[in-house]
Amino acid sequence: MNPKITLTDGSQLECFPIALPPEESISGEFSLDSTGQYLQVGKKAHFVTDKELAERRKQEAIDAKLFYEHAHLFLTNADKILSDSRLFLAPVHIVNGLAYTGTSGFRKPTLGVYIEWWIYHKDASIDAKGLPIWFISGSPLSGSNACSAVDRKGKTHRAQLNGRFSAVWSSFVEVNNRYNEFKGRYMAYDLKEVIDILKGNANSQQLFKLHLRLEKVRYDNYISNLKRVLKQARELSAEYKAKLQRIIFQQHREESTEYYRKCVNLQTVARLTREYFYEQRIELRKTLRSGSIDNITYQRILTPLKKKAKEAEYQCREYEREGLNEIFGNYSLYFNFEVIEKLILEVK
């Protein structure tokens, strides 16, 4: 059974697992910013080149524009987004943050987070002009902010808050952290796919099938890699086991040689005793069929031979096991008769 997200209104959305989810969920705890972008004490070197910074900012601007230009499209289709986990969990690449604490509490928002924030926290999420706020930035101490809202034409504006800045960021963080355990762990469309679906330019079922095919490829690759790693681990384990066997064997070569000699003798006795039992059984059956002896006599002669054969085999198996324990103690699990034979032949 697939897991489900419970939304603010109590409704549930079925989730679709992905091949390689992150091992840890996103943390929603607040902490002092460690990047130096929102809080910097003294002079601290940042190992980010100007080119990397420019490329990152360019991509952030592209992501932001894609989101805010379609904010009203998302709001118009809120019911659809709140009824499909693949739409709800679509990642929104907007880097909101506060002075001192940075992006703590704002990490990896999803489209569903914004929709619920806009719907259930209107006093904070919709500014004084009735425009949805899409970007949150400011100081939790002074209350100054640089939040942005967007009009129906997709043009962004400096947001005019209805109240205190604390109401804006705290309400968003509340909604955002509610779904941290689901982010990146289940199938989600990207924002461009969501826009195409909402505009009617893409068939959601076809997109879903495409995602399923991609996930199958990822699963197959993951399983293939696991099998390869497992094979390598087994080969390495066998190699180390063989080295360990040789080292331990060298320390007990004389005892091992004596053990091998006695095992061979016991095996020979067991084989000869068993063969003699089979031969006698054949002769006794012939005699029984000819009427020279009755069944009672047959059993009286055959039973001791059978018992002797079983005892010889038991003694052989028992010594093969107990003999190793006497020689190697706790290391006996690394050995059996075949291993001892192989090591003795190698020495020869």
C-alpha atoms as a PDB file:
ATOM      1  CA  MET A   1       0.000   0.000   0.000  1.00  0.00           C
ATOM      2  CA  ASN A   2       1.364   3.400  -0.989  1.00  0.00           C
ATOM      3  CA  PRO A   3       1.781   6.011   1.777  1.00  0.00           C
ATOM      4  CA  LYS A   4      -0.546   8.991   1.904  1.00  0.00           C
ATOM      5  CA  ILE A   5      -0.190  12.686   2.681  1.00  0.00           C
ATOM      6  CA  THR A   6      -2.765  14.103   5.065  1.00  0.00           C
ATOM      7  CA  LEU A   7      -3.534  17.687   4.045  1.00  0.00           C
ATOM      8  CA  THR A   8      -4.606  20.538   6.284  1.00  0.00           C
ATOM      9  CA  ASP A   9      -8.295  19.911   5.533  1.00  0.00           C
ATOM     10  CA  GLY A  10      -7.927  16.239   6.514  1.00  0.00           C
ATOM     11  CA  SER A  11      -8.073  14.841   2.982  1.00  0.00           C
ATOM     12  CA  GLN A  12      -5.422  12.340   1.913  1.00  0.00           C
ATOM     13  CA  LEU A  13      -3.349  12.041  -1.243  1.00  0.00           C
ATOM     14  CA  GLU A  14      -1.841   8.763  -2.406  1.00  0.00           C
ATOM     15  CA  CYS A  15       1.921   8.990  -2.952  1.00  0.00           C
ATOM     16  CA  PHE A  16       3.986   7.133  -5.528  1.00  0.00           C
ATOM     17  CA  PRO A  17       7.455   5.955  -4.359  1.00  0.00           C
ATOM     18  CA  ILE A  18      10.594   6.744  -6.326  1.00  0.00           C
ATOM     19  CA  ALA A  19      13.624   4.542  -6.871  1.00  0.00           C
ATOM     20  CA  LEU A  20      16.218   6.415  -4.801  1.00  0.00           C
ATOM     21  CA  PRO A  21      14.631   8.585  -2.109  1.00  0.00           C
ATOM     22  CA  PRO A  22      16.939  10.559   0.211  1.00  0.00           C
ATOM     23  CA  GLU A  23      17.955   8.703   3.358  1.00  0.00           C
ATOM     24  CA  GLU A  24      17.010  11.598   5.654  1.00  0.00           C
ATOM     25  CA  SER A  25      14.005  13.890   5.713  1.00  0.00           C
ATOM     26  CA  ILE A  26      14.395  17.645   5.470  1.00  0.00           C
ATOM     27  CA  SER A  27      14.906  19.315   8.831  1.00  0.00           C
ATOM     28  CA  GLY A  28      12.515  22.094   9.776  1.00  0.00           C
ATOM     29  CA  GLU A  29      14.489  23.256  12.809  1.00  0.00           C
ATOM     30  CA  PHE A  30      15.747  26.830  12.959  1.00  0.00           C
ATOM     31  CA  SER A  31      19.482  27.395  13.276  1.00  0.00           C
ATOM     32  CA  LEU A  32      21.952  30.188  12.681  1.00  0.00           C
ATOM     33  CA  ASP A  33      22.908  30.539   9.035  1.00  0.00           C
ATOM     34  CA  SER A  34      26.197  28.768   8.314  1.00  0.00           C
ATOM     35  CA  THR A  35      26.618  29.909   4.718  1.00  0.00           C
ATOM     36  CA  GLY A  36      27.462  33.522   5.483  1.00  0.00           C
ATOM     37  CA  GLN A  37      24.761  34.685   3.069  1.00  0.00           C
ATOM     38  CA  TYR A  38      22.319  35.678   5.803  1.00  0.00           C
ATOM     39  CA  LEU A  39      24.649  35.974   8.780  1.00  0.00           C
ATOM     40  CA  GLN A  40      28.366  36.649   8.727  1.00  0.00           C
ATOM     41  CA  VAL A  41      30.648  37.269  11.677  1.00  0.00           C
ATOM     42  CA  GLY A  42      34.047  38.657  10.741  1.00  0.00           C
ATOM     43  CA  LYS A  43      35.638  37.884   7.393  1.00  0.00           C
ATOM     44  CA  LYS A  44      35.026  34.376   6.180  1.00  0.00           C
ATOM     45  CA  ALA A  45      36.225  32.960   2.883  1.00  0.00           C
ATOM     46  CA  HIS A  46      33.581  31.423   0.653  1.00  0.00           C
ATOM     47  CA  PHE A  47      34.806  28.954  -1.911  1.00  0.00           C
ATOM     48  CA  VAL A  48      32.378  29.976  -4.656  1.00  0.00           C
ATOM     49  CA  THR A  49      33.736  31.501  -7.850  1.00  0.00           C
ATOM     50  CA  ASP A  50      32.158  34.553  -9.441  1.00  0.00           C
ATOM     51  CA  LYS A  51      31.200  32.441 -12.444  1.00  0.00           C
ATOM     52  CA  GLU A  52      29.473  29.868 -10.262  1.00  0.00           C
ATOM     53  CA  LEU A  53      27.668  32.578  -8.349  1.00  0.00           C
ATOM     54  CA  ALA A  54      26.532  34.269 -11.572  1.00  0.00           C
ATOM     55  CA  GLU A  55      25.258  30.966 -12.999  1.00  0.00           C
ATOM     56  CA  ARG A  56      23.422  30.160  -9.783  1.00  0.00           C
ATOM     57  CA  ARG A  57      21.747  33.554  -9.665  1.00  0.00           C
ATOM     58  CA  LYS A  58      20.786  33.279 -13.322  1.00  0.00           C
ATOM     59  CA  GLN A  59      19.125  29.912 -12.708  1.00  0.00           C
ATOM     60  CA  GLU A  60      17.391  31.225  -9.573  1.00  0.00           C
ATOM     61  CA  ALA A  61      15.967  34.117 -11.620  1.00  0.00           C
ATOM     62  CA  ILE A  62      14.696  31.699 -14.301  1.00  0.00           C
ATOM     63  CA  ASP A  63      13.095  29.440 -11.670  1.00  0.00           C
ATOM     64  CA  ALA A  64      11.540  32.393  -9.867  1.00  0.00           C
ATOM     65  CA  LYS A  65      10.058  33.840 -13.047  1.00  0.00           C
ATOM     66  CA  LEU A  66       8.576  30.488 -14.059  1.00  0.00           C
ATOM     67  CA  PHE A  67       6.879  30.286 -10.673  1.00  0.00           C
ATOM     68  CA  TYR A  68       5.566  33.808 -10.116  1.00  0.00           C
ATOM     69  CA  GLU A  69       4.387  34.300 -13.704  1.00  0.00           C
ATOM     70  CA  HIS A  70       2.050  31.332 -13.207  1.00  0.00           C
ATOM     71  CA  ALA A  71       1.092  31.933  -9.573  1.00  0.00           C
ATOM     72  CA  HIS A  72      -2.487  32.887 -10.506  1.00  0.00           C
ATOM     73  CA  LEU A  73      -2.755  29.818 -12.761  1.00  0.00           C
ATOM     74  CA  PHE A  74      -1.817  27.709  -9.763  1.00  0.00           C
ATOM     75  CA  LEU A  75      -4.364  29.442  -7.536  1.00  0.00           C
ATOM     76  CA  THR A  76      -7.104  29.013 -10.144  1.00  0.00           C
ATOM     77  CA  ASN A  77      -6.382  25.292 -10.201  1.00  0.00           C
ATOM     78  CA  ALA A  78      -5.928  24.899  -6.442  1.00  0.00           C
ATOM     79  CA  ASP A  79      -8.497  22.084  -6.214  1.00  0.00           C
ATOM     80  CA  LYS A  80      -6.661  20.074  -8.852  1.00  0.00           C
ATOM     81  CA  ILE A  81      -3.282  20.595  -7.159  1.00  0.00           C
ATOM     82  CA  LEU A  82      -4.716  19.620  -3.769  1.00  0.00           C
ATOM     83  CA  SER A  83      -6.119  16.385  -5.196  1.00  0.00           C
ATOM     84  CA  ASP A  84      -2.966  14.931  -6.770  1.00  0.00           C
ATOM     85  CA  SER A  85       0.269  14.276  -4.834  1.00  0.00           C
ATOM     86  CA  ARG A  86       2.304  14.537  -8.038  1.00  0.00           C
ATOM     87  CA  LEU A  87       1.122  18.126  -8.428  1.00  0.00           C
ATOM     88  CA  PHE A  88       1.162  18.866  -4.707  1.00  0.00           C
ATOM     89  CA  LEU A  89       4.779  17.740  -4.296  1.00  0.00           C
ATOM     90  CA  ALA A  90       6.077  19.575  -7.376  1.00  0.00           C
ATOM     91  CA  PRO A  91       9.222  21.354  -6.127  1.00  0.00           C
ATOM     92  CA  VAL A  92       9.237  25.148  -6.196  1.00  0.00           C
ATOM     93  CA  HIS A  93      12.785  26.459  -6.542  1.00  0.00           C
ATOM     94  CA  ILE A  94      12.334  29.681  -4.598  1.00  0.00           C
ATOM     95  CA  VAL A  95      14.982  30.449  -1.955  1.00  0.00           C
ATOM     96  CA  ASN A  96      13.103  32.183   0.832  1.00  0.00           C
ATOM     97  CA  GLY A  97      15.018  33.146   3.966  1.00  0.00           C
ATOM     98  CA  LEU A  98      15.490  35.290   7.031  1.00  0.00           C
ATOM     99  CA  ALA A  99      18.401  37.311   8.306  1.00  0.00           C
ATOM    100  CA  TYR A 100      20.464  35.342  10.861  1.00  0.00           C
ATOM    101  CA  THR A 101      18.717  31.970  10.323  1.00  0.00           C
ATOM    102  CA  GLY A 102      18.922  31.782   6.541  1.00  0.00           C
ATOM    103  CA  THR A 103      16.732  29.189   4.857  1.00  0.00           C
ATOM    104  CA  SER A 104      15.972  27.246   8.049  1.00  0.00           C
ATOM    105  CA  GLY A 105      12.298  26.306   7.965  1.00  0.00           C
ATOM    106  CA  PHE A 106      11.949  27.404   4.326  1.00  0.00           C
ATOM    107  CA  ARG A 107      13.765  24.504   2.688  1.00  0.00           C
ATOM    108  CA  LYS A 108      12.441  22.940  -0.496  1.00  0.00           C
ATOM    109  CA  PRO A 109       8.874  24.280  -0.616  1.00  0.00           C
ATOM    110  CA  THR A 110       6.410  22.514  -2.892  1.00  0.00           C
ATOM    111  CA  LEU A 111       3.548  23.808  -4.990  1.00  0.00           C
ATOM    112  CA  GLY A 112       1.079  22.343  -2.518  1.00  0.00           C
ATOM    113  CA  VAL A 113       2.740  24.241   0.329  1.00  0.00           C
ATOM    114  CA  TYR A 114       2.219  27.545  -1.475  1.00  0.00           C
ATOM    115  CA  ILE A 115      -1.375  26.671  -2.360  1.00  0.00           C
ATOM    116  CA  GLU A 116      -2.256  25.815   1.243  1.00  0.00           C
ATOM    117  CA  TRP A 117      -0.466  28.920   2.518  1.00  0.00           C
ATOM    118  CA  TRP A 118      -2.321  31.152   0.068  1.00  0.00           C
ATOM    119  CA  ILE A 119      -5.672  29.527   0.916  1.00  0.00           C
ATOM    120  CA  TYR A 120      -5.490  29.019   4.674  1.00  0.00           C
ATOM    121  CA  HIS A 121      -3.344  32.009   5.669  1.00  0.00           C
ATOM    122  CA  LYS A 122      -4.789  34.758   3.486  1.00  0.00           C
ATOM    123  CA  ASP A 123      -4.134  37.584   5.976  1.00  0.00           C
ATOM    124  CA  ALA A 124      -0.424  36.858   5.801  1.00  0.00           C
ATOM    125  CA  SER A 125       0.052  35.330   2.341  1.00  0.00           C
ATOM    126  CA  ILE A 126      -2.040  37.822   0.343  1.00  0.00           C
ATOM    127  CA  ASP A 127      -0.820  41.407   0.518  1.00  0.00           C
ATOM    128  CA  ALA A 128      -2.830  44.612   0.975  1.00  0.00           C
ATOM    129  CA  LYS A 129      -3.508  44.853  -2.774  1.00  0.00           C
ATOM    130  CA  GLY A 130      -4.888  41.315  -2.895  1.00  0.00           C
ATOM    131  CA  LEU A 131      -1.781  39.874  -4.551  1.00  0.00           C
ATOM    132  CA  PRO A 132      -0.305  36.508  -3.545  1.00  0.00           C
ATOM    133  CA  ILE A 133       3.161  36.732  -1.981  1.00  0.00           C
ATOM    134  CA  TRP A 134       5.623  34.435  -3.709  1.00  0.00           C
ATOM    135  CA  PHE A 135       8.950  35.469  -2.135  1.00  0.00           C
ATOM    136  CA  ILE A 136       9.740  35.895   1.564  1.00  0.00           C
ATOM    137  CA  SER A 137      12.796  37.736   2.836  1.00  0.00           C
ATOM    138  CA  GLY A 138      13.453  39.957   5.818  1.00  0.00           C
ATOM    139  CA  SER A 139      14.614  40.289   9.396  1.00  0.00           C
ATOM    140  CA  PRO A 140      12.776  38.456  12.178  1.00  0.00           C
ATOM    141  CA  LEU A 141      14.150  40.993  14.669  1.00  0.00           C
ATOM    142  CA  SER A 142      13.451  44.376  13.055  1.00  0.00           C
ATOM    143  CA  GLY A 143      10.506  43.229  10.968  1.00  0.00           C
ATOM    144  CA  SER A 144      11.861  44.907   7.847  1.00  0.00           C
ATOM    145  CA  ASN A 145      11.313  42.848   4.728  1.00  0.00           C
ATOM    146  CA  ALA A 146      11.773  42.572   0.995  1.00  0.00           C
ATOM    147  CA  CYS A 147       8.844  40.275   0.215  1.00  0.00           C
ATOM    148  CA  SER A 148       7.460  40.121  -3.319  1.00  0.00           C
ATOM    149  CA  ALA A 149       3.909  39.618  -4.628  1.00  0.00           C
ATOM    150  CA  VAL A 150       2.647  39.069  -8.174  1.00  0.00           C
ATOM    151  CA  ASP A 151      -0.308  40.484 -10.105  1.00  0.00           C
ATOM    152  CA  ARG A 152      -2.585  38.676 -12.580  1.00  0.00           C
ATOM    153  CA  LYS A 153      -0.407  39.705 -15.502  1.00  0.00           C
ATOM    154  CA  GLY A 154       2.547  37.888 -13.955  1.00  0.00           C
ATOM    155  CA  LYS A 155       4.383  41.060 -12.964  1.00  0.00           C
ATOM    156  CA  THR A 156       6.175  41.015  -9.631  1.00  0.00           C
ATOM    157  CA  HIS A 157       5.867  43.854  -7.070  1.00  0.00           C
ATOM    158  CA  ARG A 158       7.192  44.753  -3.663  1.00  0.00           C
ATOM    159  CA  ALA A 159       4.608  43.244  -1.319  1.00  0.00           C
ATOM    160  CA  GLN A 160       2.579  45.531   0.942  1.00  0.00           C
ATOM    161  CA  LEU A 161       1.972  43.419   4.031  1.00  0.00           C
ATOM    162  CA  ASN A 162      -1.338  43.478   5.875  1.00  0.00           C
ATOM    163  CA  GLY A 163       0.351  43.128   9.240  1.00  0.00           C
ATOM    164  CA  ARG A 164       3.647  42.216  10.796  1.00  0.00           C
ATOM    165  CA  PHE A 165       6.334  40.422   8.862  1.00  0.00           C
ATOM    166  CA  SER A 166       6.469  37.719  11.543  1.00  0.00           C
ATOM    167  CA  ALA A 167       2.966  36.582  10.543  1.00  0.00           C
ATOM    168  CA  VAL A 168       4.136  36.102   6.950  1.00  0.00           C
ATOM    169  CA  TRP A 169       7.204  33.988   7.541  1.00  0.00           C
ATOM    170  CA  SER A 170       5.933  32.032  10.555  1.00  0.00           C
ATOM    171  CA  SER A 171       2.739  30.936   8.777  1.00  0.00           C
ATOM    172  CA  PHE A 172       4.689  29.852   5.703  1.00  0.00           C
ATOM    173  CA  VAL A 173       7.183  27.898   7.810  1.00  0.00           C
ATOM    174  CA  GLU A 174       4.299  26.169   9.597  1.00  0.00           C
ATOM    175  CA  VAL A 175       2.811  24.914   6.350  1.00  0.00           C
ATOM    176  CA  ASN A 176       6.188  24.156   4.761  1.00  0.00           C
ATOM    177  CA  ASN A 177       7.489  22.045   7.639  1.00  0.00           C
ATOM    178  CA  ARG A 178       4.257  20.056   7.759  1.00  0.00           C
ATOM    179  CA  TYR A 179       5.287  18.163   4.612  1.00  0.00           C
ATOM    180  CA  ASN A 180       9.073  17.845   5.055  1.00  0.00           C
ATOM    181  CA  GLU A 181       8.985  14.057   5.336  1.00  0.00           C
ATOM    182  CA  PHE A 182       7.371  13.772   1.890  1.00  0.00           C
ATOM    183  CA  LYS A 183       9.594  16.152  -0.074  1.00  0.00           C
ATOM    184  CA  GLY A 184      11.803  14.441  -2.624  1.00  0.00           C
ATOM    185  CA  ARG A 185      10.708  11.003  -1.438  1.00  0.00           C
ATOM    186  CA  TYR A 186       7.784  10.444  -3.787  1.00  0.00           C
ATOM    187  CA  MET A 187       7.007  11.016  -7.417  1.00  0.00           C
ATOM    188  CA  ALA A 188       6.394  14.637  -8.383  1.00  0.00           C
ATOM    189  CA  TYR A 189       6.064  16.559 -11.618  1.00  0.00           C
ATOM    190  CA  ASP A 190       8.404  19.449 -12.227  1.00  0.00           C
ATOM    191  CA  LEU A 191       6.895  22.922 -12.409  1.00  0.00           C
ATOM    192  CA  LYS A 192       7.000  23.083 -16.202  1.00  0.00           C
ATOM    193  CA  GLU A 193       5.040  19.818 -16.429  1.00  0.00           C
ATOM    194  CA  VAL A 194       2.499  21.134 -13.914  1.00  0.00           C
ATOM    195  CA  ILE A 195       2.004  24.273 -15.985  1.00  0.00           C
ATOM    196  CA  ASP A 196       1.520  22.223 -19.162  1.00  0.00           C
ATOM    197  CA  ILE A 197      -1.029  19.987 -17.398  1.00  0.00           C
ATOM    198  CA  LEU A 198      -2.991  22.940 -15.988  1.00  0.00           C
ATOM    199  CA  LYS A 199      -2.996  24.699 -19.361  1.00  0.00           C
ATOM    200  CA  GLY A 200      -4.186  21.539 -21.078  1.00  0.00           C
ATOM    201  CA  ASN A 201      -1.013  21.205 -23.130  1.00  0.00           C
ATOM    202  CA  ALA A 202      -0.068  17.864 -21.614  1.00  0.00           C
ATOM    203  CA  ASN A 203      -1.921  14.680 -20.744  1.00  0.00           C
ATOM    204  CA  SER A 204      -1.336  13.930 -17.061  1.00  0.00           C
ATOM    205  CA  GLN A 205      -1.739  10.173 -17.558  1.00  0.00           C
ATOM    206  CA  GLN A 206       0.840  10.123 -20.336  1.00  0.00           C
ATOM    207  CA  LEU A 207       3.213  12.133 -18.159  1.00  0.00           C
ATOM    208  CA  PHE A 208       2.612   9.723 -15.300  1.00  0.00           C
ATOM    209  CA  LYS A 209       3.412   6.743 -17.537  1.00  0.00           C
ATOM    210  CA  LEU A 210       6.589   8.499 -18.634  1.00  0.00           C
ATOM    211  CA  HIS A 211       7.602   9.034 -15.001  1.00  0.00           C
ATOM    212  CA  LEU A 212       6.812   5.409 -14.200  1.00  0.00           C
ATOM    213  CA  ARG A 213       9.024   4.252 -17.072  1.00  0.00           C
ATOM    214  CA  LEU A 214      11.844   6.498 -15.849  1.00  0.00           C
ATOM    215  CA  GLU A 215      11.446   5.175 -12.310  1.00  0.00           C
ATOM    216  CA  LYS A 216      11.571   1.609 -13.632  1.00  0.00           C
ATOM    217  CA  VAL A 217      14.841   2.407 -15.384  1.00  0.00           C
ATOM    218  CA  ARG A 218      16.191   3.856 -12.133  1.00  0.00           C
ATOM    219  CA  TYR A 219      15.032   0.797 -10.180  1.00  0.00           C
ATOM    220  CA  ASP A 220      16.611  -1.540 -12.759  1.00  0.00           C
ATOM    221  CA  ASN A 221      19.893   0.396 -12.663  1.00  0.00           C
ATOM    222  CA  TYR A 222      19.832   0.456  -8.874  1.00  0.00           C
ATOM    223  CA  ILE A 223      19.229  -3.296  -8.681  1.00  0.00           C
ATOM    224  CA  SER A 224      21.939  -3.921 -11.264  1.00  0.00           C
ATOM    225  CA  ASN A 225      24.413  -1.843  -9.256  1.00  0.00           C
ATOM    226  CA  LEU A 226      23.438  -3.651  -6.059  1.00  0.00           C
ATOM    227  CA  LYS A 227      24.015  -7.024  -7.728  1.00  0.00           C
ATOM    228  CA  ARG A 228      27.402  -5.861  -9.002  1.00  0.00           C
ATOM    229  CA  VAL A 229      28.414  -4.569  -5.573  1.00  0.00           C
ATOM    230  CA  LEU A 230      27.140  -7.758  -3.939  1.00  0.00           C
ATOM    231  CA  LYS A 231      29.151  -9.878  -6.360  1.00  0.00           C
ATOM    232  CA  GLN A 232      32.285  -7.839  -5.654  1.00  0.00           C
ATOM    233  CA  ALA A 233      31.669  -8.108  -1.914  1.00  0.00           C
ATOM    234  CA  ARG A 234      31.245 -11.868  -2.142  1.00  0.00           C
ATOM    235  CA  GLU A 235      34.418 -12.220  -4.194  1.00  0.00           C
ATOM    236  CA  LEU A 236      36.354 -10.039  -1.759  1.00  0.00           C
ATOM    237  CA  SER A 237      34.898 -11.949   1.192  1.00  0.00           C
ATOM    238  CA  ALA A 238      35.924 -15.254  -0.370  1.00  0.00           C
ATOM    239  CA  GLU A 239      39.422 -13.891  -1.006  1.00  0.00           C
ATOM    240  CA  TYR A 240      39.865 -12.723   2.582  1.00  0.00           C
ATOM    241  CA  LYS A 241      38.377 -15.950   3.908  1.00  0.00           C
ATOM    242  CA  ALA A 242      40.882 -17.983   1.876  1.00  0.00           C
ATOM    243  CA  LYS A 243      43.777 -15.859   3.188  1.00  0.00           C
ATOM    244  CA  LEU A 244      42.556 -16.252   6.750  1.00  0.00           C
ATOM    245  CA  GLN A 245      42.213 -20.010   6.297  1.00  0.00           C
ATOM    246  CA  ARG A 246      45.816 -20.285   5.064  1.00  0.00           C
ATOM    247  CA  ILE A 247      47.168 -18.216   7.959  1.00  0.00           C
ATOM    248  CA  ILE A 248      45.304 -20.238  10.587  1.00  0.00           C
ATOM    249  CA  PHE A 249      46.147 -23.510   8.858  1.00  0.00           C
ATOM    250  CA  GLN A 250      49.881 -22.711   8.900  1.00  0.00           C
ATOM    251  CA  GLN A 251      49.664 -22.236  12.664  1.00  0.00           C
ATOM    252  CA  HIS A 252      48.118 -25.705  13.073  1.00  0.00           C
ATOM    253  CA  ARG A 253      49.670 -27.595  10.183  1.00  0.00           C
ATOM    254  CA  GLU A 254      50.713 -30.694  12.130  1.00  0.00           C
ATOM    255  CA  GLU A 255      47.361 -31.069  13.903  1.00  0.00           C
ATOM    256  CA  SER A 256      45.541 -30.455  10.622  1.00  0.00           C
ATOM    257  CA  THR A 257      47.588 -33.092   8.832  1.00  0.00           C
ATOM    258  CA  GLU A 258      46.848 -35.614  11.558  1.00  0.00           C
ATOM    259  CA  TYR A 259      43.169 -34.636  11.424  1.00  0.00           C
ATOM    260  CA  TYR A 260      43.120 -35.187   7.658  1.00  0.00           C
ATOM    261  CA  ARG A 261      44.823 -38.592   7.972  1.00  0.00           C
ATOM    262  CA  LYS A 262      42.351 -39.770  10.593  1.00  0.00           C
ATOM    263  CA  CYS A 263      39.376 -38.465   8.564  1.00  0.00           C
ATOM    264  CA  VAL A 264      40.567 -40.393   5.514  1.00  0.00           C
ATOM    265  CA  ASN A 265      40.869 -43.558   7.600  1.00  0.00           C
ATOM    266  CA  LEU A 266      37.386 -43.125   9.093  1.00  0.00           C
ATOM    267  CA  GLN A 267      35.936 -42.388   5.659  1.00  0.00           C
ATOM    268  CA  THR A 268      37.562 -45.539   4.315  1.00  0.00           C
ATOM    269  CA  VAL A 269      36.178 -47.625   7.194  1.00  0.00           C
ATOM    270  CA  ALA A 270      32.708 -46.119   6.679  1.00  0.00           C
ATOM    271  CA  ARG A 271      32.820 -46.787   2.937  1.00  0.00           C
ATOM    272  CA  LEU A 272      33.999 -50.385   3.315  1.00  0.00           C
ATOM    273  CA  THR A 273      31.468 -51.088   6.056  1.00  0.00           C
ATOM    274  CA  ARG A 274      28.673 -49.636   3.925  1.00  0.00           C
ATOM    275  CA  GLU A 275      29.773 -51.612   0.858  1.00  0.00           C
ATOM    276  CA  TYR A 276      29.958 -54.812   2.897  1.00  0.00           C
ATOM    277  CA  PHE A 277      26.428 -54.170   4.197  1.00  0.00           C
ATOM    278  CA  TYR A 278      25.109 -53.706   0.624  1.00  0.00           C
ATOM    279  CA  GLU A 279      26.855 -56.866  -0.575  1.00  0.00           C
ATOM    280  CA  GLN A 280      25.489 -58.929   2.329  1.00  0.00           C
ATOM    281  CA  ARG A 281      22.003 -57.544   1.809  1.00  0.00           C
ATOM    282  CA  ILE A 282      22.045 -58.657  -1.822  1.00  0.00           C
ATOM    283  CA  GLU A 283      23.165 -62.201  -0.864  1.00  0.00           C
ATOM    284  CA  LEU A 284      20.655 -62.434   2.006  1.00  0.00           C
ATOM    285  CA  ARG A 285      17.791 -61.374  -0.279  1.00  0.00           C
ATOM    286  CA  LYS A 286      18.749 -64.109  -2.741  1.00  0.00           C
ATOM    287  CA  THR A 287      18.793 -66.619   0.096  1.00  0.00           C
ATOM    288  CA  LEU A 288      15.445 -65.334   1.409  1.00  0.00           C
ATOM    289  CA  ARG A 289      13.798 -65.637  -2.029  1.00  0.00           C
ATOM    290  CA  SER A 290      15.145 -69.185  -2.417  1.00  0.00           C
ATOM    291  CA  GLY A 291      13.480 -70.170   0.852  1.00  0.00           C
ATOM    292  CA  SER A 292      16.715 -71.211   2.557  1.00  0.00           C
ATOM    293  CA  ILE A 293      16.058 -68.702   5.396  1.00  0.00           C
ATOM    294  CA  ASP A 294      12.934 -67.062   6.748  1.00  0.00           C
ATOM    295  CA  ASN A 295      12.343 -63.339   7.257  1.00  0.00           C
ATOM    296  CA  ILE A 296      13.211 -63.499  10.957  1.00  0.00           C
ATOM    297  CA  THR A 297      16.611 -64.934  10.203  1.00  0.00           C
ATOM    298  CA  TYR A 298      17.070 -62.382   7.405  1.00  0.00           C
ATOM    299  CA  GLN A 299      16.433 -59.469   9.799  1.00  0.00           C
ATOM    300  CA  ARG A 300      18.563 -61.010  12.579  1.00  0.00           C
ATOM    301  CA  ILE A 301      21.607 -61.206  10.285  1.00  0.00           C
ATOM    302  CA  LEU A 302      21.076 -57.907   8.374  1.00  0.00           C
ATOM    303  CA  THR A 303      20.205 -55.563  11.279  1.00  0.00           C
ATOM    304  CA  PRO A 304      23.653 -55.674  13.009  1.00  0.00           C
ATOM    305  CA  LEU A 305      25.378 -55.065   9.656  1.00  0.00           C
ATOM    306  CA  LYS A 306      23.163 -52.060   8.981  1.00  0.00           C
ATOM    307  CA  LYS A 307      23.753 -50.705  12.484  1.00  0.00           C
ATOM    308  CA  LYS A 308      27.514 -51.123  12.126  1.00  0.00           C
ATOM    309  CA  ALA A 309      27.482 -49.225   8.791  1.00  0.00           C
ATOM    310  CA  LYS A 310      25.495 -46.355  10.325  1.00  0.00           C
ATOM    311  CA  GLU A 311      27.808 -46.183  13.343  1.00  0.00           C
ATOM    312  CA  ALA A 312      30.860 -46.001  11.081  1.00  0.00           C
ATOM    313  CA  GLU A 313      29.315 -43.127   9.089  1.00  0.00           C
ATOM    314  CA  TYR A 314      28.283 -41.344  12.304  1.00  0.00           C
ATOM    315  CA  GLN A 315      31.781 -41.626  13.774  1.00  0.00           C
ATOM    316  CA  CYS A 316      33.233 -40.215  10.569  1.00  0.00           C
ATOM    317  CA  ARG A 317      30.872 -37.192  10.473  1.00  0.00           C
ATOM    318  CA  GLU A 318      31.275 -36.611  14.210  1.00  0.00           C
ATOM    319  CA  TYR A 319      35.059 -36.549  14.046  1.00  0.00           C
ATOM    320  CA  GLU A 320      35.067 -34.324  10.961  1.00  0.00           C
ATOM    321  CA  ARG A 321      33.171 -31.724  13.023  1.00  0.00           C
ATOM    322  CA  GLU A 322      34.592 -32.236  16.518  1.00  0.00           C
ATOM    323  CA  GLY A 323      38.147 -32.642  15.272  1.00  0.00           C
ATOM    324  CA  LEU A 324      38.019 -29.164  13.745  1.00  0.00           C
ATOM    325  CA  ASN A 325      36.697 -27.698  17.002  1.00  0.00           C
ATOM    326  CA  GLU A 326      39.579 -29.259  18.929  1.00  0.00           C
ATOM    327  CA  ILE A 327      42.181 -27.850  16.544  1.00  0.00           C
ATOM    328  CA  PHE A 328      40.809 -24.416  15.645  1.00  0.00           C
ATOM    329  CA  GLY A 329      38.350 -23.561  18.419  1.00  0.00           C
ATOM    330  CA  ASN A 330      36.235 -20.536  17.460  1.00  0.00           C
ATOM    331  CA  TYR A 331      37.870 -20.440  14.029  1.00  0.00           C
ATOM    332  CA  SER A 332      36.556 -23.899  13.142  1.00  0.00           C
ATOM    333  CA  LEU A 333      33.616 -22.295  11.282  1.00  0.00           C
ATOM    334  CA  TYR A 334      36.086 -21.339   8.531  1.00  0.00           C
ATOM    335  CA  PHE A 335      37.022 -24.976   7.890  1.00  0.00           C
ATOM    336  CA  ASN A 336      35.675 -28.331   6.797  1.00  0.00           C
ATOM    337  CA  PHE A 337      37.299 -31.510   5.545  1.00  0.00           C
ATOM    338  CA  GLU A 338      37.389 -30.296   1.920  1.00  0.00           C
ATOM    339  CA  VAL A 339      39.152 -27.053   2.911  1.00  0.00           C
ATOM    340  CA  ILE A 340      41.766 -28.959   4.942  1.00  0.00           C
ATOM    341  CA  GLU A 341      42.351 -31.333   2.033  1.00  0.00           C
ATOM    342  CA  LYS A 342      42.793 -28.427  -0.384  1.00  0.00           C
ATOM    343  CA  LEU A 343      45.268 -26.648   1.927  1.00  0.00           C
ATOM    344  CA  ILE A 344      47.308 -29.812   2.483  1.00  0.00           C
ATOM    345  CA  LEU A 345      47.511 -30.435  -1.283  1.00  0.00           C
ATOM    346  CA  GLU A 346      48.608 -26.806  -1.816  1.00  0.00           C
ATOM    347  CA  VAL A 347      51.461 -27.266   0.668  1.00  0.00           C
ATOM    348  CA  LYS A 348      52.556 -30.412  -1.078  1.00  0.00           C
END
